[in-house]
Amino acid sequence: MRKLLCILLIFSALPLSAQVDRAEVRAGNRKFRKADYKNAEIDYRRAVVKDSLSVAGEYNLASSLYRQQNYEEAGKALETVKDVAPGGVHAADYYFNLGDVALQKKDYGSAVKAFRESLLRNPGDLDAKENYIYAKKMLQNQQGQQGQNGDNGQNDQNQDQDQNQDQDQQQQQNQPDQQPDRNQDQQQQDQQPQISPQQAQQMLQAVQAKEKETQDKVNKQKAAVLQSRQKEKNW
């Protein structure tokens, strides 16, 4: 997230009546720089109480919540300035932070859109480009995994239908005119053990679970490499 010092530029463009939150925001900024994010959050909330339209208060409140890994509340704070921040001089930063929050919530579709908006307003931002590529890659992995799960479900259904048909055919073939010798029938079963459809389904599910576990490990490794390139911004 961009340096908090930049937030002070906002006040030069605001009328005096809108500066009632200035002291609290500055106090929060000082604590934020010292990584005292909890107390910075308190100051920013005071600024918002004094002025519910405080863009600086809400924006930096989101930043302090983000640093405390409270991504849900950080997203809500950014949501409150969605009608104002995109039209200001820090619009690119707003969308960048919005994308960061979406990434942490694994909402990769929203992250891609947010970083794209940030790049439209600041095409030279290499951090936004890196995070855009990362979010797009994660979205592709997510969609591919969902598609694979859907295909597996269809394949399982088709396999169940095939198994049921084979079982019906076996039952029809095993109805001779005379009662078969029980000892002979038992010997054949001992030599060729049969697996029930339920057992076959359980075995298939176990194999699919193992494949999913392996794929998840691969995706986590890829994500770790890409995520190491992420950077935070703040005003």
Protein backbone atom coordinates (compact mmCIF):
# COMPACT_ATOMS: atom_id res chain seq x y z
CA MET A 1 0.00 0.00 0.00
CA ARG A 2 1.28 3.51 -0.77
CA LYS A 3 3.00 5.58 1.91
CA LEU A 4 0.63 7.23 4.33
CA LEU A 5 2.40 10.56 3.89
CA CYS A 6 0.58 10.97 0.61
CA ILE A 7 -2.74 11.18 2.41
CA LEU A 8 -1.84 14.69 3.60
CA LEU A 9 -2.14 15.91 0.04
CA ILE A 10 -5.88 15.39 0.25
CA PHE A 11 -6.36 18.09 2.86
CA SER A 12 -4.98 20.84 0.66
CA ALA A 13 -7.87 20.27 -1.72
CA LEU A 14 -10.59 20.14 0.97
CA PRO A 15 -12.56 23.07 2.42
CA LEU A 16 -12.05 23.90 6.08
CA SER A 17 -15.44 22.45 6.98
CA ALA A 18 -14.24 19.04 5.82
CA GLN A 19 -11.02 19.08 7.86
CA VAL A 20 -12.55 18.21 11.24
CA ASP A 21 -10.95 14.74 11.02
CA ARG A 22 -7.45 16.07 10.34
CA ALA A 23 -5.97 15.69 13.85
CA GLU A 24 -7.21 12.12 14.25
CA VAL A 25 -5.96 11.09 10.81
CA ARG A 26 -2.52 12.56 11.50
CA ALA A 27 -2.40 10.81 14.86
CA GLY A 28 -3.34 7.55 13.15
CA ASN A 29 -0.67 8.12 10.51
CA ARG A 30 2.04 8.47 13.15
CA LYS A 31 1.02 5.21 14.80
CA PHE A 32 0.66 3.48 11.46
CA ARG A 33 4.29 4.36 10.58
CA LYS A 34 5.34 2.73 13.87
CA ALA A 35 3.37 -0.42 12.91
CA ASP A 36 0.96 0.24 15.80
CA TYR A 37 -1.96 -0.69 13.59
CA LYS A 38 -4.50 -1.32 16.34
CA ASN A 39 -4.18 2.16 17.86
CA ALA A 40 -3.99 3.66 14.37
CA GLU A 41 -7.32 1.99 13.68
CA ILE A 42 -8.79 3.69 16.77
CA ASP A 43 -7.68 7.12 15.56
CA TYR A 44 -9.05 6.54 12.08
CA ARG A 45 -12.37 5.42 13.53
CA ARG A 46 -12.49 8.64 15.57
CA ALA A 47 -11.92 10.59 12.37
CA VAL A 48 -14.83 8.77 10.71
CA VAL A 49 -17.08 9.45 13.73
CA LYS A 50 -16.33 13.18 13.45
CA ASP A 51 -16.85 13.18 9.70
CA SER A 52 -18.72 10.27 8.16
CA LEU A 53 -17.61 11.48 4.73
CA SER A 54 -13.91 11.39 5.61
CA VAL A 55 -12.23 9.69 2.66
CA ALA A 56 -8.85 9.81 4.39
CA GLY A 57 -10.28 8.28 7.57
CA GLU A 58 -12.05 5.42 5.81
CA TYR A 59 -9.20 4.74 3.40
CA ASN A 60 -6.54 4.58 6.11
CA LEU A 61 -8.90 2.67 8.36
CA ALA A 62 -9.00 0.03 5.63
CA SER A 63 -5.19 0.03 5.54
CA SER A 64 -4.87 -0.50 9.29
CA LEU A 65 -7.45 -3.31 9.20
CA TYR A 66 -5.64 -4.91 6.27
CA ARG A 67 -2.36 -4.94 8.24
CA GLN A 68 -4.23 -6.70 11.07
CA GLN A 69 -5.42 -9.31 8.54
CA ASN A 70 -9.03 -8.25 9.04
CA TYR A 71 -9.72 -8.38 5.32
CA GLU A 72 -13.50 -8.49 5.59
CA GLU A 73 -13.71 -5.20 7.51
CA ALA A 74 -11.00 -3.65 5.33
CA GLY A 75 -13.15 -4.36 2.30
CA LYS A 76 -16.16 -2.75 3.97
CA ALA A 77 -14.16 0.39 4.75
CA LEU A 78 -13.09 0.71 1.12
CA GLU A 79 -16.68 0.10 0.05
CA THR A 80 -17.81 3.23 1.91
CA VAL A 81 -15.67 5.47 -0.35
CA LYS A 82 -16.38 3.67 -3.62
CA ASP A 83 -18.34 6.65 -4.97
CA VAL A 84 -15.66 9.20 -4.10
CA ALA A 85 -12.22 7.62 -4.21
CA PRO A 86 -12.32 6.45 -7.87
CA GLY A 87 -12.76 10.05 -9.00
CA GLY A 88 -9.89 11.47 -6.95
CA VAL A 89 -6.18 11.84 -7.56
CA HIS A 90 -5.51 8.59 -5.70
CA ALA A 91 -7.92 6.47 -7.74
CA ALA A 92 -5.16 4.11 -8.92
CA ASP A 93 -4.13 3.50 -5.31
CA TYR A 94 -7.72 2.92 -4.26
CA TYR A 95 -8.17 0.17 -6.85
CA PHE A 96 -4.77 -1.29 -5.99
CA ASN A 97 -5.76 -1.68 -2.32
CA LEU A 98 -9.16 -2.99 -3.35
CA GLY A 99 -7.37 -5.66 -5.38
CA ASP A 100 -5.09 -6.52 -2.45
CA VAL A 101 -8.11 -7.13 -0.22
CA ALA A 102 -9.79 -9.28 -2.88
CA LEU A 103 -6.62 -11.37 -3.22
CA GLN A 104 -6.54 -12.09 0.50
CA LYS A 105 -10.19 -13.16 0.35
CA LYS A 106 -9.38 -15.39 -2.67
CA ASP A 107 -11.89 -13.42 -4.72
CA TYR A 108 -9.61 -13.55 -7.75
CA GLY A 109 -12.21 -12.32 -10.23
CA SER A 110 -12.68 -9.08 -8.29
CA ALA A 111 -8.92 -8.78 -7.82
CA VAL A 112 -8.32 -8.98 -11.59
CA LYS A 113 -10.91 -6.25 -12.19
CA ALA A 114 -9.48 -4.00 -9.47
CA PHE A 115 -5.88 -4.23 -10.66
CA ARG A 116 -7.02 -3.65 -14.23
CA GLU A 117 -8.74 -0.43 -13.12
CA SER A 118 -5.60 0.60 -11.26
CA LEU A 119 -3.48 0.03 -14.40
CA LEU A 120 -5.89 2.01 -16.54
CA ARG A 121 -5.26 5.01 -14.29
CA ASN A 122 -1.54 4.39 -13.83
CA PRO A 123 -0.18 2.17 -16.66
CA GLY A 124 3.40 2.51 -15.44
CA ASP A 125 2.76 0.93 -12.03
CA LEU A 126 4.89 -2.24 -12.08
CA ASP A 127 3.46 -3.41 -8.74
CA ALA A 128 -0.06 -3.31 -10.14
CA LYS A 129 1.10 -5.22 -13.22
CA GLU A 130 2.68 -7.95 -11.09
CA ASN A 131 -0.39 -8.30 -8.91
CA TYR A 132 -2.66 -8.27 -11.98
CA ILE A 133 -0.69 -11.17 -13.48
CA TYR A 134 -0.76 -13.01 -10.16
CA ALA A 135 -4.53 -12.54 -9.71
CA LYS A 136 -5.21 -13.60 -13.30
CA LYS A 137 -3.13 -16.75 -12.87
CA MET A 138 -4.90 -17.67 -9.64
CA LEU A 139 -8.28 -17.08 -11.29
CA GLN A 140 -7.34 -19.42 -14.13
CA ASN A 141 -6.24 -22.09 -11.65
CA GLN A 142 -9.47 -21.67 -9.69
CA GLN A 143 -11.63 -21.94 -12.80
CA GLY A 144 -9.66 -24.94 -14.04
CA GLN A 145 -10.09 -26.71 -10.73
CA GLN A 146 -13.83 -26.02 -10.70
CA GLY A 147 -14.12 -27.30 -14.25
CA GLN A 148 -12.18 -30.43 -13.35
CA ASN A 149 -14.44 -31.10 -10.38
CA GLY A 150 -17.48 -30.69 -12.64
CA ASP A 151 -16.06 -33.15 -15.18
CA ASN A 152 -15.27 -35.66 -12.45
CA GLY A 153 -18.81 -35.45 -11.17
CA GLN A 154 -20.20 -36.15 -14.64
CA ASN A 155 -17.75 -39.01 -15.12
CA ASP A 156 -18.76 -40.51 -11.78
CA GLN A 157 -22.42 -40.35 -12.78
CA ASN A 158 -21.73 -42.00 -16.12
CA GLN A 159 -19.65 -44.69 -14.44
CA ASP A 160 -22.45 -45.42 -11.95
CA GLN A 161 -24.87 -45.84 -14.86
CA ASP A 162 -22.48 -48.21 -16.64
CA GLN A 163 -21.96 -50.23 -13.46
CA ASN A 164 -25.71 -50.53 -12.92
CA GLN A 165 -26.19 -51.72 -16.51
CA ASP A 166 -23.42 -54.31 -16.15
CA GLN A 167 -24.95 -55.52 -12.91
CA ASP A 168 -28.38 -55.91 -14.52
CA GLN A 169 -26.85 -57.93 -17.38
CA GLN A 170 -25.00 -60.18 -14.93
CA GLN A 171 -28.21 -60.84 -13.01
CA GLN A 172 -30.00 -61.82 -16.21
CA GLN A 173 -27.16 -64.15 -17.25
CA ASN A 174 -27.04 -65.81 -13.81
CA GLN A 175 -30.64 -67.16 -14.03
CA PRO A 176 -30.25 -70.72 -15.50
CA ASP A 177 -33.12 -73.21 -15.86
CA GLN A 178 -31.74 -75.33 -13.00
CA GLN A 179 -30.44 -74.30 -9.60
CA PRO A 180 -26.59 -74.17 -9.82
CA ASP A 181 -24.49 -76.23 -7.49
CA ARG A 182 -23.88 -74.09 -4.40
CA ASN A 183 -20.37 -75.47 -3.82
CA GLN A 184 -19.30 -74.80 -7.40
CA ASP A 185 -20.76 -71.29 -7.25
CA GLN A 186 -18.94 -70.60 -3.97
CA GLN A 187 -15.62 -71.81 -5.45
CA GLN A 188 -16.00 -69.47 -8.43
CA GLN A 189 -16.66 -66.55 -6.10
CA ASP A 190 -13.54 -67.42 -4.09
CA GLN A 191 -11.43 -67.51 -7.25
CA GLN A 192 -12.86 -64.30 -8.74
CA PRO A 193 -13.86 -61.90 -5.94
CA GLN A 194 -16.35 -59.32 -7.12
CA ILE A 195 -16.43 -55.65 -6.05
CA SER A 196 -19.80 -54.09 -5.36
CA PRO A 197 -20.73 -50.80 -7.07
CA GLN A 198 -20.55 -49.09 -3.66
CA GLN A 199 -17.00 -50.36 -3.08
CA ALA A 200 -15.97 -49.33 -6.58
CA GLN A 201 -17.39 -45.86 -5.99
CA GLN A 202 -15.53 -45.55 -2.68
CA MET A 203 -12.27 -46.60 -4.35
CA LEU A 204 -12.81 -44.05 -7.12
CA GLN A 205 -13.51 -41.28 -4.62
CA ALA A 206 -10.33 -42.16 -2.72
CA VAL A 207 -8.27 -41.93 -5.90
CA GLN A 208 -9.88 -38.60 -6.84
CA ALA A 209 -9.24 -37.22 -3.34
CA LYS A 210 -5.57 -38.15 -3.64
CA GLU A 211 -5.36 -36.48 -7.05
CA LYS A 212 -7.01 -33.31 -5.66
CA GLU A 213 -4.58 -33.27 -2.71
CA THR A 214 -1.65 -33.47 -5.12
CA GLN A 215 -3.10 -30.70 -7.33
CA ASP A 216 -3.68 -28.48 -4.27
CA LYS A 217 -0.04 -28.88 -3.25
CA VAL A 218 1.09 -27.90 -6.73
CA ASN A 219 -1.20 -24.85 -6.75
CA LYS A 220 0.03 -23.77 -3.31
CA GLN A 221 3.62 -23.96 -4.48
CA LYS A 222 2.80 -21.85 -7.53
CA ALA A 223 0.88 -19.37 -5.39
CA ALA A 224 3.78 -19.06 -2.95
CA VAL A 225 6.14 -18.15 -5.76
CA LEU A 226 3.76 -15.59 -7.23
CA GLN A 227 2.63 -14.17 -3.91
CA SER A 228 6.21 -13.41 -2.95
CA ARG A 229 6.04 -10.69 -5.61
CA GLN A 230 3.05 -8.98 -4.01
CA LYS A 231 3.55 -5.53 -2.54
CA GLU A 232 1.33 -3.37 -0.39
CA LYS A 233 0.35 0.21 -1.07
CA ASN A 234 -1.25 3.01 0.86
CA TRP A 235 -1.88 6.71 0.41
